[in-house]
Amino acid sequence: MNDQVSPAAATPAAIRLLADQVLARIPALLDAAGKFLTEVQQQKLDSHVLAMARRSLTGEGLPDFDKSLFDEISDTTRRLSAAVVALFGNLPEEEALLLSIHFEMAKSKA
């Protein structure tokens, strides 16, 4: 969705706009995966996606973390997280690992 822009162009409004664009596409991805979020889970995801939008626009990186902590994340969740990260177009795949926590906790539709 976005090519990296100069940090000066990463205004709060631009960050919010990018986050909202990505957030608008997540319900369809969740539905396709047979999952849904509670209201509290959605609020946490909103905050995380906003931070991802900021990193996308500023080029800020993630701190190093132990990727092995995510070894037990399901394939469905990994695919869902990767699809969301791909919407930004310029974030590293490590973002999907951190995002996967939200989707791993999502409820399965009965």
Protein backbone atom coordinates (compact mmCIF):
# COMPACT_ATOMS: atom_id res chain seq x y z
CA MET A 1 0.00 0.00 0.00
CA ASN A 2 2.84 2.30 0.71
CA ASP A 3 6.35 3.10 -0.37
CA GLN A 4 8.48 4.52 2.40
CA VAL A 5 8.25 8.30 2.58
CA SER A 6 10.37 10.81 4.39
CA PRO A 7 9.81 10.91 8.16
CA ALA A 8 8.57 14.49 7.80
CA ALA A 9 5.70 13.21 5.63
CA ALA A 10 4.76 10.67 8.31
CA THR A 11 2.29 12.98 9.98
CA PRO A 12 -0.20 11.61 12.49
CA ALA A 13 -2.91 12.03 9.85
CA ALA A 14 -0.92 10.09 7.23
CA ILE A 15 -0.17 7.32 9.73
CA ARG A 16 -3.84 7.09 10.74
CA LEU A 17 -4.96 7.02 7.09
CA LEU A 18 -2.60 4.15 6.25
CA ALA A 19 -3.63 2.24 9.38
CA ASP A 20 -7.30 2.71 8.56
CA GLN A 21 -6.75 1.47 5.00
CA VAL A 22 -5.13 -1.71 6.29
CA LEU A 23 -7.64 -2.20 9.11
CA ALA A 24 -10.49 -1.98 6.61
CA ARG A 25 -9.14 -5.03 4.80
CA ILE A 26 -8.52 -7.22 7.84
CA PRO A 27 -12.14 -8.35 8.46
CA ALA A 28 -12.28 -10.08 5.07
CA LEU A 29 -8.96 -11.81 5.76
CA LEU A 30 -10.18 -12.94 9.19
CA ASP A 31 -13.44 -14.17 7.71
CA ALA A 32 -11.59 -16.17 5.04
CA ALA A 33 -9.52 -17.77 7.83
CA GLY A 34 -12.69 -18.58 9.80
CA LYS A 35 -11.75 -16.29 12.69
CA PHE A 36 -13.09 -13.22 14.43
CA LEU A 37 -11.85 -10.82 17.09
CA THR A 38 -13.56 -9.74 20.28
CA GLU A 39 -13.93 -6.01 20.86
CA VAL A 40 -10.91 -5.94 23.18
CA GLN A 41 -8.81 -7.97 20.72
CA GLN A 42 -9.82 -5.54 17.94
CA GLN A 43 -8.71 -2.56 20.03
CA LYS A 44 -5.31 -4.17 20.61
CA LEU A 45 -4.99 -4.98 16.90
CA ASP A 46 -5.90 -1.38 16.00
CA SER A 47 -3.09 -0.11 18.19
CA HIS A 48 -0.60 -2.58 16.70
CA VAL A 49 -1.57 -1.75 13.10
CA LEU A 50 -1.20 1.96 13.89
CA ALA A 51 2.36 1.29 15.07
CA MET A 52 3.00 -0.75 11.93
CA ALA A 53 1.74 2.15 9.79
CA ARG A 54 4.14 4.48 11.59
CA ARG A 55 7.05 2.11 10.95
CA SER A 56 5.98 1.74 7.32
CA LEU A 57 6.01 5.49 6.77
CA THR A 58 9.11 6.34 8.79
CA GLY A 59 11.28 3.32 8.03
CA GLU A 60 11.74 2.73 11.75
CA GLY A 61 12.81 -0.85 12.42
CA LEU A 62 11.83 -3.38 15.02
CA PRO A 63 14.11 -4.23 17.91
CA ASP A 64 15.72 -7.66 17.73
CA PHE A 65 13.68 -10.46 19.27
CA ASP A 66 13.82 -14.23 19.57
CA LYS A 67 11.94 -15.57 16.54
CA SER A 68 11.85 -19.05 18.05
CA LEU A 69 9.18 -17.78 20.45
CA PHE A 70 6.79 -17.99 17.50
CA ASP A 71 7.59 -21.57 16.46
CA GLU A 72 4.20 -22.84 17.59
CA ILE A 73 2.10 -20.30 15.69
CA SER A 74 -0.28 -22.11 13.35
CA ASP A 75 0.15 -22.04 9.58
CA THR A 76 -3.25 -20.36 9.21
CA THR A 77 -2.20 -17.59 11.55
CA ARG A 78 1.16 -17.20 9.81
CA ARG A 79 -0.56 -16.82 6.43
CA LEU A 80 -3.06 -14.33 7.82
CA SER A 81 -0.33 -12.25 9.44
CA ALA A 82 1.81 -12.31 6.30
CA ALA A 83 -1.18 -11.17 4.22
CA VAL A 84 -1.71 -8.16 6.50
CA VAL A 85 1.98 -7.23 6.49
CA ALA A 86 1.97 -7.49 2.68
CA LEU A 87 -0.73 -4.80 2.56
CA PHE A 88 1.88 -2.28 3.72
CA GLY A 89 4.25 -3.27 0.93
CA ASN A 90 7.46 -2.34 2.71
CA LEU A 91 7.59 -3.97 6.14
CA PRO A 92 9.94 -6.85 7.00
CA GLU A 93 8.52 -10.33 7.49
CA GLU A 94 9.38 -10.16 11.20
CA GLU A 95 6.39 -7.85 11.54
CA ALA A 96 4.18 -10.84 10.72
CA LEU A 97 5.57 -12.77 13.67
CA LEU A 98 4.63 -10.03 16.12
CA LEU A 99 1.24 -9.52 14.47
CA SER A 100 0.52 -13.24 14.62
CA ILE A 101 -0.11 -13.01 18.35
CA HIS A 102 -3.34 -11.13 17.66
CA PHE A 103 -4.58 -13.66 15.16
CA GLU A 104 -3.53 -16.70 17.14
CA MET A 105 -5.75 -15.44 19.96
CA ALA A 106 -8.68 -14.75 17.60
CA LYS A 107 -11.76 -16.89 18.07
CA SER A 108 -12.64 -19.54 15.51
CA LYS A 109 -16.07 -19.30 13.95
CA ALA A 110 -18.22 -22.26 14.91
